[in-house]
Amino acid sequence: MVQLTRASHELYRRSPDECFATVAELWQHTRQEREFSQDRWHLPQVLSPRASDGQVTVTLDDQGPHLLNHWKFDT
């Protein structure tokens, strides 16, 4: 029962841009996300985290600030 309650809370706290009417729409969205995503790996010494206006950004050497994603997966 705890898992169902937790799943229900998670479902209804989603914003409209995170909701999909069908599984096909969800699949299409995740496919596009994967297609346009980029993996980036840098030495820890070149990372410079900063907090500003309630957001955390990471600056990489001479590149501008990058926002962190908010994905979280519970087991």
N, C-alpha and C. Protein backbone atom coordinates (compact mmCIF):
# COMPACT_ATOMS: atom_id res chain seq x y z
N MET A 1 0.81 -1.20 0.00
CA MET A 1 0.00 0.00 0.00
C MET A 1 0.86 1.27 0.00
N VAL A 2 1.98 1.21 0.69
CA VAL A 2 2.86 2.37 0.74
C VAL A 2 3.35 2.74 -0.65
N GLN A 3 3.69 1.73 -1.47
CA GLN A 3 4.18 1.99 -2.83
C GLN A 3 3.10 2.65 -3.68
N LEU A 4 1.83 2.19 -3.54
CA LEU A 4 0.75 2.80 -4.31
C LEU A 4 0.52 4.25 -3.90
N THR A 5 0.57 4.52 -2.62
CA THR A 5 0.40 5.89 -2.14
C THR A 5 1.52 6.77 -2.66
N ARG A 6 2.73 6.27 -2.60
CA ARG A 6 3.88 7.03 -3.08
C ARG A 6 3.79 7.28 -4.58
N ALA A 7 3.37 6.26 -5.33
CA ALA A 7 3.23 6.41 -6.78
C ALA A 7 2.14 7.44 -7.11
N SER A 8 1.06 7.42 -6.37
CA SER A 8 -0.03 8.37 -6.58
C SER A 8 0.45 9.80 -6.33
N HIS A 9 1.17 10.01 -5.25
CA HIS A 9 1.71 11.35 -4.95
C HIS A 9 2.66 11.80 -6.04
N GLU A 10 3.49 10.90 -6.51
CA GLU A 10 4.45 11.24 -7.56
C GLU A 10 3.73 11.61 -8.86
N LEU A 11 2.71 10.85 -9.19
CA LEU A 11 1.95 11.10 -10.42
C LEU A 11 1.30 12.48 -10.40
N TYR A 12 0.66 12.83 -9.30
CA TYR A 12 -0.11 14.07 -9.27
C TYR A 12 0.73 15.30 -8.94
N ARG A 13 1.99 15.15 -8.65
CA ARG A 13 2.81 16.34 -8.43
C ARG A 13 3.53 16.76 -9.71
N ARG A 14 3.37 16.00 -10.77
CA ARG A 14 4.01 16.32 -12.05
C ARG A 14 3.41 17.59 -12.65
N SER A 15 4.27 18.38 -13.27
CA SER A 15 3.79 19.57 -13.97
C SER A 15 3.25 19.14 -15.34
N PRO A 16 2.48 20.01 -16.01
CA PRO A 16 1.89 19.63 -17.30
C PRO A 16 2.91 19.19 -18.35
N ASP A 17 4.12 19.75 -18.32
CA ASP A 17 5.11 19.35 -19.32
C ASP A 17 5.71 17.98 -19.03
N GLU A 18 5.36 17.35 -17.92
CA GLU A 18 5.85 16.02 -17.60
C GLU A 18 4.75 14.97 -17.71
N CYS A 19 3.58 15.33 -18.22
CA CYS A 19 2.46 14.40 -18.33
C CYS A 19 2.20 14.06 -19.79
N PHE A 20 1.84 12.83 -20.03
CA PHE A 20 1.57 12.37 -21.39
C PHE A 20 0.26 11.61 -21.41
N ALA A 21 -0.53 11.80 -22.45
CA ALA A 21 -1.84 11.18 -22.55
C ALA A 21 -1.75 9.70 -22.88
N THR A 22 -0.69 9.31 -23.59
CA THR A 22 -0.56 7.91 -24.00
C THR A 22 0.89 7.45 -23.80
N VAL A 23 1.06 6.15 -23.80
CA VAL A 23 2.40 5.58 -23.72
C VAL A 23 3.19 5.94 -24.97
N ALA A 24 2.52 5.99 -26.10
CA ALA A 24 3.19 6.36 -27.36
C ALA A 24 3.76 7.77 -27.30
N GLU A 25 3.02 8.71 -26.71
CA GLU A 25 3.54 10.07 -26.55
C GLU A 25 4.75 10.10 -25.63
N LEU A 26 4.70 9.35 -24.55
CA LEU A 26 5.84 9.25 -23.64
C LEU A 26 7.04 8.67 -24.34
N TRP A 27 6.84 7.61 -25.10
CA TRP A 27 7.93 6.96 -25.83
C TRP A 27 8.55 7.93 -26.82
N GLN A 28 7.72 8.67 -27.57
CA GLN A 28 8.23 9.65 -28.54
C GLN A 28 9.05 10.73 -27.83
N HIS A 29 8.56 11.19 -26.71
CA HIS A 29 9.28 12.23 -25.96
C HIS A 29 10.64 11.72 -25.48
N THR A 30 10.67 10.53 -24.91
CA THR A 30 11.95 9.99 -24.43
C THR A 30 12.91 9.72 -25.57
N ARG A 31 12.39 9.31 -26.72
CA ARG A 31 13.24 9.10 -27.89
C ARG A 31 13.88 10.41 -28.34
N GLN A 32 13.10 11.49 -28.37
CA GLN A 32 13.64 12.80 -28.74
C GLN A 32 14.66 13.29 -27.71
N GLU A 33 14.36 13.08 -26.44
CA GLU A 33 15.31 13.47 -25.39
C GLU A 33 16.65 12.76 -25.57
N ARG A 34 16.60 11.46 -25.84
CA ARG A 34 17.81 10.68 -26.04
C ARG A 34 18.56 11.15 -27.28
N GLU A 35 17.84 11.44 -28.34
CA GLU A 35 18.45 11.86 -29.60
C GLU A 35 19.21 13.17 -29.47
N PHE A 36 18.66 14.09 -28.69
CA PHE A 36 19.27 15.42 -28.57
C PHE A 36 20.12 15.60 -27.31
N SER A 37 20.26 14.56 -26.50
CA SER A 37 21.06 14.68 -25.29
C SER A 37 22.54 14.49 -25.59
N GLN A 38 23.35 14.96 -24.68
CA GLN A 38 24.80 14.82 -24.82
C GLN A 38 25.38 14.38 -23.49
N ASP A 39 26.29 13.41 -23.55
CA ASP A 39 27.05 13.04 -22.36
C ASP A 39 28.26 13.94 -22.29
N ARG A 40 28.53 14.41 -21.10
CA ARG A 40 29.72 15.25 -20.91
C ARG A 40 30.45 14.76 -19.69
N TRP A 41 31.74 14.58 -19.81
CA TRP A 41 32.56 14.18 -18.69
C TRP A 41 33.75 15.11 -18.64
N HIS A 42 34.03 15.64 -17.46
CA HIS A 42 35.15 16.56 -17.27
C HIS A 42 35.87 16.21 -15.98
N LEU A 43 37.12 16.55 -15.92
CA LEU A 43 37.87 16.35 -14.69
C LEU A 43 37.23 17.17 -13.57
N PRO A 44 37.17 16.64 -12.37
CA PRO A 44 36.57 17.39 -11.26
C PRO A 44 37.25 18.74 -11.02
N GLN A 45 38.53 18.86 -11.34
CA GLN A 45 39.26 20.10 -11.10
C GLN A 45 38.76 21.26 -11.95
N VAL A 46 38.08 20.98 -13.07
CA VAL A 46 37.62 22.06 -13.94
C VAL A 46 36.17 22.46 -13.66
N LEU A 47 35.51 21.77 -12.72
CA LEU A 47 34.13 22.08 -12.39
C LEU A 47 34.07 23.16 -11.31
N SER A 48 33.20 24.12 -11.53
CA SER A 48 33.03 25.19 -10.55
C SER A 48 31.54 25.37 -10.28
N PRO A 49 31.03 24.74 -9.20
CA PRO A 49 29.60 24.87 -8.90
C PRO A 49 29.27 26.24 -8.30
N ARG A 50 28.11 26.75 -8.63
CA ARG A 50 27.65 28.02 -8.09
C ARG A 50 26.15 27.95 -7.82
N ALA A 51 25.72 28.61 -6.76
CA ALA A 51 24.30 28.72 -6.44
C ALA A 51 23.88 30.17 -6.65
N SER A 52 22.79 30.36 -7.40
CA SER A 52 22.31 31.70 -7.67
C SER A 52 20.82 31.64 -7.98
N ASP A 53 20.07 32.52 -7.39
CA ASP A 53 18.62 32.61 -7.63
C ASP A 53 17.91 31.27 -7.44
N GLY A 54 18.33 30.51 -6.44
CA GLY A 54 17.67 29.25 -6.14
C GLY A 54 18.03 28.11 -7.07
N GLN A 55 19.02 28.29 -7.94
CA GLN A 55 19.46 27.24 -8.86
C GLN A 55 20.94 26.98 -8.68
N VAL A 56 21.33 25.74 -8.93
CA VAL A 56 22.74 25.38 -8.91
C VAL A 56 23.20 25.23 -10.35
N THR A 57 24.29 25.90 -10.69
CA THR A 57 24.89 25.75 -12.01
C THR A 57 26.33 25.27 -11.85
N VAL A 58 26.86 24.72 -12.92
CA VAL A 58 28.24 24.28 -12.93
C VAL A 58 28.92 24.93 -14.13
N THR A 59 30.01 25.63 -13.87
CA THR A 59 30.81 26.23 -14.93
C THR A 59 31.99 25.31 -15.21
N LEU A 60 32.24 25.07 -16.49
CA LEU A 60 33.32 24.19 -16.92
C LEU A 60 34.38 25.01 -17.63
N ASP A 61 35.52 25.18 -16.99
CA ASP A 61 36.62 25.97 -17.57
C ASP A 61 36.09 27.28 -18.13
N ASP A 62 36.21 27.48 -19.45
CA ASP A 62 35.81 28.74 -20.07
C ASP A 62 34.39 28.69 -20.64
N GLN A 63 33.69 27.59 -20.44
CA GLN A 63 32.32 27.48 -20.92
C GLN A 63 31.38 28.16 -19.93
N GLY A 64 30.25 28.60 -20.43
CA GLY A 64 29.26 29.25 -19.58
C GLY A 64 28.65 28.28 -18.60
N PRO A 65 27.78 28.78 -17.74
CA PRO A 65 27.16 27.91 -16.73
C PRO A 65 26.19 26.91 -17.35
N HIS A 66 26.15 25.72 -16.77
CA HIS A 66 25.25 24.65 -17.20
C HIS A 66 24.32 24.33 -16.04
N LEU A 67 23.03 24.18 -16.34
CA LEU A 67 22.07 23.78 -15.33
C LEU A 67 22.15 22.27 -15.11
N LEU A 68 21.89 21.84 -13.90
CA LEU A 68 21.85 20.43 -13.59
C LEU A 68 20.44 19.92 -13.85
N ASN A 69 20.33 18.66 -14.23
CA ASN A 69 18.98 18.12 -14.40
C ASN A 69 18.41 17.74 -13.04
N HIS A 70 17.14 17.43 -13.00
CA HIS A 70 16.47 17.16 -11.74
C HIS A 70 15.95 15.73 -11.66
N TRP A 71 16.47 14.85 -12.48
CA TRP A 71 15.99 13.47 -12.47
C TRP A 71 16.43 12.76 -11.21
N LYS A 72 15.53 12.00 -10.64
CA LYS A 72 15.81 11.25 -9.45
C LYS A 72 15.11 9.91 -9.56
N PHE A 73 15.82 8.85 -9.27
CA PHE A 73 15.25 7.53 -9.35
C PHE A 73 15.39 6.85 -8.01
N ASP A 74 14.28 6.51 -7.40
CA ASP A 74 14.28 5.81 -6.12
C ASP A 74 14.20 4.31 -6.37
N THR A 75 14.82 3.56 -5.51
CA THR A 75 14.74 2.10 -5.64
C THR A 75 13.83 1.57 -4.57
